[in-house]
Protein backbone atom coordinates (compact mmCIF):
# COMPACT_ATOMS: atom_id res chain seq x y z
CA UNK A 1 10.60 -7.22 26.79
CA UNK A 2 9.97 -10.08 24.64
CA UNK A 3 8.75 -12.15 27.76
CA UNK A 4 6.41 -9.26 28.32
CA UNK A 5 4.88 -9.45 25.60
CA UNK A 6 4.56 -12.92 25.27
CA UNK A 7 2.74 -13.24 28.22
CA UNK A 8 -0.10 -11.07 26.48
CA UNK A 9 -0.93 -13.79 24.20
CA UNK A 10 -2.89 -15.47 26.71
CA UNK A 11 -5.46 -18.36 25.24
CA UNK A 12 -4.43 -17.21 21.24
CA UNK A 13 -1.45 -19.65 21.82
CA UNK A 14 -3.19 -22.36 19.72
CA UNK A 15 -3.89 -19.85 16.68
CA UNK A 16 -0.25 -18.65 17.05
CA UNK A 17 0.93 -22.02 16.53
CA UNK A 18 -1.98 -22.88 13.47
CA UNK A 19 -0.80 -19.85 11.63
CA UNK A 20 2.93 -20.73 11.02
CA UNK A 21 2.09 -24.46 10.14
CA UNK A 22 -0.66 -23.69 7.69
CA UNK A 23 1.68 -20.53 6.15
CA UNK A 24 4.57 -23.57 6.13
CA UNK A 25 2.27 -25.91 4.47
CA UNK A 26 1.23 -23.08 2.00
CA UNK A 27 4.66 -22.31 0.74
CA UNK A 28 5.57 -25.72 0.63
CA UNK A 29 2.37 -26.44 -1.87
CA UNK A 30 3.50 -23.40 -4.09
CA UNK A 31 7.01 -24.81 -4.46
CA UNK A 32 5.50 -28.09 -5.33
CA UNK A 33 3.45 -26.29 -8.61
CA UNK A 34 6.63 -25.69 -10.86
CA UNK A 35 7.63 -28.83 -10.47
CA UNK A 36 4.64 -30.64 -11.44
CA UNK A 37 4.27 -28.17 -14.54
CA UNK A 38 7.76 -29.45 -15.52
CA UNK A 39 6.44 -32.64 -15.35
CA UNK A 40 3.96 -31.94 -17.71
CA UNK A 41 5.64 -30.69 -20.05
CA UNK A 42 8.78 -33.51 -19.66
CA UNK A 43 6.48 -36.27 -19.47
CA UNK A 44 3.20 -35.53 -21.03
CA UNK A 45 3.48 -32.85 -23.92
CA UNK A 46 6.87 -33.53 -25.12
CA UNK A 47 6.21 -37.74 -24.77
CA UNK A 48 2.56 -37.23 -26.31
CA UNK A 49 0.99 -38.81 -23.49
CA UNK A 50 -2.22 -36.96 -22.97
CA UNK A 51 -3.02 -39.68 -19.91
CA UNK A 52 -0.22 -38.06 -18.05
CA UNK A 53 -0.77 -34.28 -18.83
CA UNK A 54 -4.75 -35.12 -17.60
CA UNK A 55 -3.11 -36.92 -14.25
CA UNK A 56 -0.41 -34.10 -13.86
CA UNK A 57 -3.08 -31.60 -14.39
CA UNK A 58 -5.32 -32.79 -11.97
CA UNK A 59 -2.78 -32.97 -9.45
CA UNK A 60 -1.79 -29.53 -9.98
CA UNK A 61 -5.22 -28.29 -9.70
CA UNK A 62 -5.63 -30.04 -6.33
CA UNK A 63 -2.49 -28.68 -4.77
CA UNK A 64 -3.58 -25.35 -6.11
CA UNK A 65 -6.83 -25.65 -4.22
CA UNK A 66 -4.94 -27.05 -1.21
CA UNK A 67 -2.46 -23.99 -0.93
CA UNK A 68 -5.32 -21.51 -1.20
CA UNK A 69 -7.27 -23.28 1.41
CA UNK A 70 -4.00 -23.17 3.58
CA UNK A 71 -3.79 -19.53 2.79
CA UNK A 72 -7.30 -18.32 3.96
CA UNK A 73 -6.92 -20.73 7.14
CA UNK A 74 -3.31 -18.81 8.02
CA UNK A 75 -5.12 -15.52 7.43
CA UNK A 76 -7.67 -16.44 9.14
CA UNK A 77 -5.91 -17.76 12.35
CA UNK A 78 -3.35 -14.66 12.23
CA UNK A 79 -5.75 -12.24 12.38
CA UNK A 80 -7.72 -13.61 15.32
CA UNK A 81 -4.22 -14.06 17.15
CA UNK A 82 -2.99 -10.76 16.32
CA UNK A 83 -6.22 -8.71 17.53
CA UNK A 84 -6.36 -10.91 20.63
CA UNK A 85 -2.64 -10.48 21.46
CA UNK A 86 -3.14 -6.66 21.03
CA UNK A 87 -6.39 -7.05 23.03
CA UNK A 88 -4.53 -8.57 25.86
CA UNK A 89 -1.30 -6.07 25.65
CA UNK A 90 -3.90 -3.15 25.97
CA UNK A 91 -5.55 -4.52 28.94
CA UNK A 92 -2.61 -5.45 30.65
CA UNK A 93 -1.15 -1.71 29.92
CA UNK A 94 -4.04 -0.01 31.15
CA UNK A 95 -4.12 -2.02 34.50
CA UNK A 96 -0.25 -1.07 35.01
CA UNK A 97 -0.93 2.44 34.05
CA UNK A 98 -3.41 2.49 37.16
CA UNK A 99 -0.58 1.63 39.40
CA UNK A 100 1.34 4.67 38.00
CA UNK A 101 2.09 7.45 40.35
CA UNK A 102 1.76 10.85 39.77
CA UNK A 103 5.43 11.30 39.08
CA UNK A 104 5.04 8.58 36.64
CA UNK A 105 2.23 10.14 34.65
CA UNK A 106 3.97 13.33 34.78
CA UNK A 107 6.81 11.71 33.05
CA UNK A 108 5.36 9.74 30.41
CA UNK A 109 2.62 12.22 29.97
CA UNK A 110 -1.28 11.64 29.27
CA UNK A 111 -1.15 12.59 25.59
CA UNK A 112 1.84 9.88 25.31
CA UNK A 113 0.07 7.18 27.36
CA UNK A 114 -3.09 7.23 25.00
CA UNK A 115 -0.84 7.37 22.06
CA UNK A 116 1.05 4.14 23.55
CA UNK A 117 -2.33 2.50 23.97
CA UNK A 118 -3.94 3.18 20.35
CA UNK A 119 -1.53 3.85 17.75
CA UNK A 120 1.40 2.01 19.19
CA UNK A 121 -0.58 -1.24 19.88
CA UNK A 122 -1.80 -1.27 16.64
CA UNK A 123 1.73 -1.32 15.33
CA UNK A 124 2.49 -4.11 17.34
CA UNK A 125 -0.70 -5.88 16.72
CA UNK A 126 0.22 -5.78 12.64
CA UNK A 127 4.10 -6.46 13.45
CA UNK A 128 2.87 -9.80 15.27
CA UNK A 129 0.76 -10.75 12.52
CA UNK A 130 3.56 -9.90 10.02
CA UNK A 131 5.58 -12.28 12.48
CA UNK A 132 3.75 -15.25 12.68
CA UNK A 133 2.65 -15.41 8.73
CA UNK A 134 4.96 -12.79 6.30
CA UNK A 135 8.36 -13.67 8.79
CA UNK A 136 7.88 -17.36 8.50
CA UNK A 137 6.56 -17.75 4.79
CA UNK A 138 9.59 -15.43 3.43
CA UNK A 139 12.60 -17.49 4.86
CA UNK A 140 10.82 -20.75 4.02
CA UNK A 141 9.92 -19.87 0.82
CA UNK A 142 13.61 -17.94 0.01
CA UNK A 143 15.32 -21.33 1.36
CA UNK A 144 12.96 -23.73 -0.81
CA UNK A 145 13.01 -21.66 -3.80
CA UNK A 146 17.13 -21.55 -3.43
CA UNK A 147 17.03 -24.93 -2.91
CA UNK A 148 14.66 -26.06 -6.14
CA UNK A 149 16.79 -23.84 -7.84
CA UNK A 150 20.09 -25.23 -7.06
CA UNK A 151 18.35 -28.85 -8.07
CA UNK A 152 17.53 -27.47 -11.35
CA UNK A 153 20.82 -25.35 -12.24
CA UNK A 154 23.44 -24.55 -10.02
CA UNK A 155 24.90 -21.87 -11.77
CA UNK A 156 21.26 -20.09 -11.95
CA UNK A 157 21.33 -20.41 -8.17
CA UNK A 158 24.04 -17.69 -8.25
CA UNK A 159 21.99 -15.06 -9.21
CA UNK A 160 19.87 -15.62 -6.11
CA UNK A 161 22.51 -15.23 -4.08
CA UNK A 162 23.68 -11.67 -5.64
CA UNK A 163 19.79 -10.34 -5.54
CA UNK A 164 19.66 -11.32 -1.91
CA UNK A 165 22.62 -9.81 -0.73
CA UNK A 166 21.44 -6.42 -2.98
CA UNK A 167 18.10 -6.54 -1.07
CA UNK A 168 19.34 -6.93 2.46
CA UNK A 169 21.59 -3.59 1.56
CA UNK A 170 18.20 -1.79 0.43
CA UNK A 171 16.48 -2.93 3.41
CA UNK A 172 18.81 -2.18 5.82
CA UNK A 173 19.02 1.52 3.92
CA UNK A 174 15.41 2.21 4.06
CA UNK A 175 15.12 1.36 7.74
CA UNK A 176 17.87 3.72 8.37
CA UNK A 177 16.16 6.36 6.73
CA UNK A 178 12.83 5.58 7.89
CA UNK A 179 13.24 5.38 11.65
CA UNK A 180 13.52 8.96 12.64
CA UNK A 181 10.68 9.89 10.35
CA UNK A 182 8.22 7.52 12.70
CA UNK A 183 9.87 8.75 15.68
CA UNK A 184 9.05 12.32 14.78
CA UNK A 185 5.59 11.51 13.61
CA UNK A 186 4.87 9.97 16.68
CA UNK A 187 6.45 13.20 19.16
CA UNK A 188 3.63 15.05 16.74
CA UNK A 189 0.91 12.86 17.60
CA UNK A 190 1.68 12.99 21.58
CA UNK A 191 1.48 16.94 21.22
CA UNK A 192 -1.74 16.85 19.28
CA UNK A 193 -3.31 14.13 21.73
CA UNK A 194 -2.31 16.34 24.57
CA UNK A 195 -4.32 19.27 23.07
CA UNK A 196 -7.29 17.48 22.44
CA UNK A 197 -7.19 15.68 25.76
CA UNK A 198 -7.18 19.21 27.71
CA UNK A 199 -10.01 20.71 25.75
CA UNK A 200 -12.31 17.54 26.17
CA UNK A 201 -11.63 17.26 30.00
CA UNK A 202 -11.57 20.88 30.68
CA UNK A 203 -14.51 22.03 27.98
CA UNK A 204 -16.83 23.47 31.15
CA UNK A 205 -13.53 25.64 32.40
CA UNK A 206 -12.66 26.87 29.23
CA UNK A 207 -16.37 28.05 28.65
CA UNK A 208 -16.40 29.14 31.88
CA UNK A 209 -13.49 31.45 31.58
CA UNK A 210 -13.91 32.33 27.78
CA UNK A 211 -10.91 30.63 26.96
CA UNK A 212 -12.18 29.29 23.51
CA UNK A 213 -9.85 31.65 21.30
CA UNK A 214 -7.18 30.87 23.24
CA UNK A 215 -7.55 26.91 23.27
CA UNK A 216 -8.42 27.34 19.51
CA UNK A 217 -4.79 29.11 19.15
CA UNK A 218 -3.05 26.25 20.86
CA UNK A 219 -4.86 23.47 19.11
CA UNK A 220 -3.76 25.22 16.01
CA UNK A 221 -0.54 25.54 17.00
CA UNK A 222 -0.31 21.65 17.97
CA UNK A 223 -1.79 20.60 14.09
CA UNK A 224 0.35 23.56 12.38
CA UNK A 225 3.41 21.73 13.68
CA UNK A 226 1.95 18.41 12.20
CA UNK A 227 1.06 20.60 8.99
CA UNK A 228 4.88 21.98 8.75
CA UNK A 229 5.86 18.29 9.17
CA UNK A 230 3.94 17.10 6.25
CA UNK A 231 4.84 19.75 4.19
CA UNK A 232 8.61 19.30 4.95
CA UNK A 233 8.22 15.64 3.94
CA UNK A 234 6.36 16.79 0.43
CA UNK A 235 8.99 19.11 -0.36
CA UNK A 236 11.49 16.83 -0.12
CA UNK A 237 9.63 14.24 -2.06
CA UNK A 238 9.10 16.73 -5.06
CA UNK A 239 12.87 17.98 -4.90
CA UNK A 240 13.80 14.27 -5.11
CA UNK A 241 11.37 13.42 -8.22
CA UNK A 242 12.70 16.59 -9.88
CA UNK A 243 16.50 15.62 -9.21
CA UNK A 244 16.15 12.39 -10.17
CA UNK A 245 14.58 13.18 -13.67
CA UNK A 246 15.78 15.69 -15.95
CA UNK A 247 12.34 16.99 -17.02
CA UNK A 248 11.70 19.87 -19.70
CA UNK A 249 7.66 19.10 -19.68
CA UNK A 250 5.65 17.69 -16.99
CA UNK A 251 1.66 17.04 -17.47
CA UNK A 252 -0.37 16.65 -14.03
CA UNK A 253 -4.18 16.04 -12.91
CA UNK A 254 -5.57 19.53 -12.32
CA UNK A 255 -6.22 19.01 -8.50
CA UNK A 256 -9.40 21.13 -8.75
CA UNK A 257 -11.68 18.24 -9.84
CA UNK A 258 -9.97 15.37 -7.14
CA UNK A 259 -12.86 16.03 -4.68
CA UNK A 260 -15.06 13.30 -4.42
CA UNK A 261 -15.85 9.56 -3.34
CA UNK A 262 -14.91 7.26 -6.24
CA UNK A 263 -16.87 3.99 -6.23
CA UNK A 264 -15.27 0.79 -7.54
CA UNK A 265 -16.60 -2.41 -7.07
CA UNK A 266 -18.90 -1.67 -4.49
CA UNK A 267 -16.08 0.37 -2.39
CA UNK A 268 -15.25 4.02 -2.43
CA UNK A 269 -11.97 5.57 -2.30
CA UNK A 270 -11.88 8.79 -0.74
CA UNK A 271 -10.29 11.30 -2.95
CA UNK A 272 -10.69 14.36 -1.10
CA UNK A 273 -7.90 16.95 -0.60
CA UNK A 274 -7.92 19.58 1.82
CA UNK A 275 -7.67 23.12 0.08
CA UNK A 276 -4.69 23.65 2.06
CA UNK A 277 -3.08 20.19 0.84
CA UNK A 278 -3.98 21.10 -3.02
CA UNK A 279 -2.73 24.84 -3.08
CA UNK A 280 0.77 23.17 -1.39
CA UNK A 281 0.89 20.62 -3.56
CA UNK A 282 0.67 23.12 -6.60
CA UNK A 283 2.74 25.75 -5.07
CA UNK A 284 5.56 23.75 -4.52
CA UNK A 285 5.41 21.63 -7.98
CA UNK A 286 5.07 25.06 -10.02
CA UNK A 287 8.17 26.77 -7.99
CA UNK A 288 10.35 23.83 -8.04
CA UNK A 289 9.38 23.20 -11.58
CA UNK A 290 10.52 26.38 -12.66
CA UNK A 291 13.43 26.25 -10.76
CA UNK A 292 14.85 23.30 -12.62
CA UNK A 293 13.67 24.70 -16.07
CA UNK A 294 10.57 22.28 -16.40
CA UNK A 295 7.13 23.56 -17.89
CA UNK A 296 3.98 22.48 -15.69
CA UNK A 297 0.94 21.72 -18.28
CA UNK A 298 -2.38 20.78 -16.55
CA UNK A 299 -4.15 18.33 -18.18
CA UNK A 300 -7.90 16.81 -17.77
CA UNK A 301 -7.38 13.16 -16.78
CA UNK A 302 -10.80 12.14 -17.03
CA UNK A 303 -11.37 8.55 -18.14
CA UNK A 304 -7.66 7.98 -17.83
CA UNK A 305 -8.02 4.60 -16.09
CA UNK A 306 -11.30 3.52 -17.99
CA UNK A 307 -9.34 3.54 -21.40
CA UNK A 308 -6.27 1.80 -22.80
CA UNK A 309 -3.45 4.02 -23.77
CA UNK A 310 -2.47 1.63 -26.76
CA UNK A 311 -5.27 0.72 -28.78
CA UNK A 312 -8.10 2.98 -27.26
CA UNK A 313 -10.74 0.35 -25.97
CA UNK A 314 -12.53 0.58 -22.84
CA UNK A 315 -11.02 -1.72 -20.20
CA UNK A 316 -12.76 -4.47 -18.72
CA UNK A 317 -11.83 -4.17 -15.05
CA UNK A 318 -9.15 -4.77 -12.59
CA UNK A 319 -6.85 -7.34 -11.01
CA UNK A 320 -4.07 -7.97 -8.90
CA UNK A 321 -3.63 -7.68 -5.10
CA UNK A 322 -4.10 -3.84 -4.99
CA UNK A 323 -6.13 -3.38 -8.38
CA UNK A 324 -2.90 -2.42 -10.26
CA UNK A 325 -3.48 -4.65 -13.31
CA UNK A 326 -5.71 -3.26 -15.77
CA UNK A 327 -7.47 -5.79 -18.20
CA UNK A 328 -7.77 -4.64 -22.14
CA UNK A 329 -9.75 -6.69 -24.39
CA UNK A 330 -7.18 -6.48 -27.38
CA UNK A 331 -4.22 -6.02 -25.32
CA UNK A 332 -4.40 -8.51 -22.33
CA UNK A 333 -3.17 -7.32 -18.85
CA UNK A 334 -1.45 -4.10 -18.49
CA UNK A 335 -0.29 -1.99 -15.72
CA UNK A 336 -2.92 0.38 -14.91
CA UNK A 337 -0.78 3.13 -13.07
CA UNK A 338 1.68 3.16 -16.32
CA UNK A 339 -1.55 3.15 -18.75
CA UNK A 340 -3.22 5.90 -17.07
CA UNK A 341 0.11 8.04 -16.99
CA UNK A 342 0.28 7.55 -20.90
CA UNK A 343 -3.06 9.05 -21.23
CA UNK A 344 -2.33 11.92 -19.10
CA UNK A 345 0.89 12.52 -21.01
CA UNK A 346 -0.97 12.20 -24.37
CA UNK A 347 -3.44 14.81 -23.03
CA UNK A 348 -0.78 17.51 -22.61
CA UNK A 349 -1.04 17.87 -26.84
CA UNK A 350 -4.67 17.11 -26.88
CA UNK A 351 -6.43 19.69 -28.94
CA UNK A 352 -10.08 17.94 -28.49
CA UNK A 353 -9.97 17.27 -24.70
CA UNK A 354 -9.01 20.42 -23.03
CA UNK A 355 -8.70 21.21 -19.38
CA UNK A 356 -12.30 22.07 -18.97
CA UNK A 357 -13.92 19.39 -21.73
CA UNK A 358 -17.07 17.98 -19.22
CA UNK A 359 -16.65 14.63 -18.18
CA UNK A 360 -19.38 12.88 -20.10
CA UNK A 361 -17.88 14.70 -23.20
CA UNK A 362 -14.42 13.07 -22.65
CA UNK A 363 -16.05 9.76 -22.55
CA UNK A 364 -17.87 10.14 -25.65
CA UNK A 365 -14.74 11.19 -27.58
CA UNK A 366 -12.30 8.47 -26.06
CA UNK A 367 -15.35 6.18 -27.42
CA UNK A 368 -15.68 7.56 -30.52
CA UNK A 369 -11.88 7.66 -31.27
CA UNK A 370 -11.64 3.69 -30.59
CA UNK A 371 -14.78 3.34 -32.95
CA UNK A 372 -12.49 5.01 -35.51
CA UNK A 373 -9.42 2.97 -34.60
CA UNK A 374 -11.69 -0.05 -34.61
CA UNK A 375 -12.89 0.61 -38.56
CA UNK A 376 -8.95 1.17 -39.76
CA UNK A 377 -7.92 -2.09 -37.35
CA UNK A 378 -10.59 -5.05 -38.22
CA UNK A 379 -8.47 -7.27 -35.80
CA UNK A 380 -9.53 -5.40 -32.57
CA UNK A 381 -12.60 -6.49 -30.55
């Protein structure tokens, strides 16, 4: 199988070779930065030699920019190699399917072949990109980091060894649990694709024999299996949550208002939820919470992502790979999710901001509270 997939790389061998090289150079440069930082402290700051501080600082800046350049190039060539690989793979699959006999098509089913050429090829594309980037970067980073750690402190490196063994067991456990879920999910995709394909290819026959109602029921049955699968997974996760946390009261956002496109930095995040999903989530939360002796309190979560939970100041923005870090002018960097969760928790007993307080009114209240807090504490910005 590996030889067959390797043939699909085709003319993208150059990009596939360049990507790991840039990735390796990026890792090597990143590993050098802590050593240069140590030299700045030992040979510059402690010795009082500002000239060496400037020299080592300049070297570190150059290395940082070179590392950034290598990372960008690795991403660029990695994307080109993976998309080209997926394109060739999809083309060869299509050519091979044309040679199938009717018995082969009956064995694999048209819906299954559609899934193989779309969802499966996309997964293989993502896997290939991870192989030429992450699979190269992670081992190199681990080997270089452990080597540097042994050079600096052999006793400290034992922690890395213990962590490595622990993470290996965790990764094996995740793969063991997730694989059956993926297999079951793809089977549902095949059934859904089959229903859609039959409706599209036989639309004239369906209309001629007035079979719309039958076909709708057939599609809803396939879609219902998919919904049932989603409901089972959601139910499992909610039960696991209440099993792991002994809660007496739980504040949750009222899902009635989760129905809009939230803009952020020129992009829009779709926060829409179907009425079916809202109803199911609320129903399961209330039932399982009641069974575990936990009270559900719906709160108004407006502007919980815009203000600091500690000082009340308006957050200046977000940073991090997934915008998970919020910037507060007084408290510095905060975990955005933890900060929002703390504000939601505070809203449980908030008499001024109720569940039906208008969105703009909540903002005014939060700003006024910060102004009052600022008068008491002169250090706040």
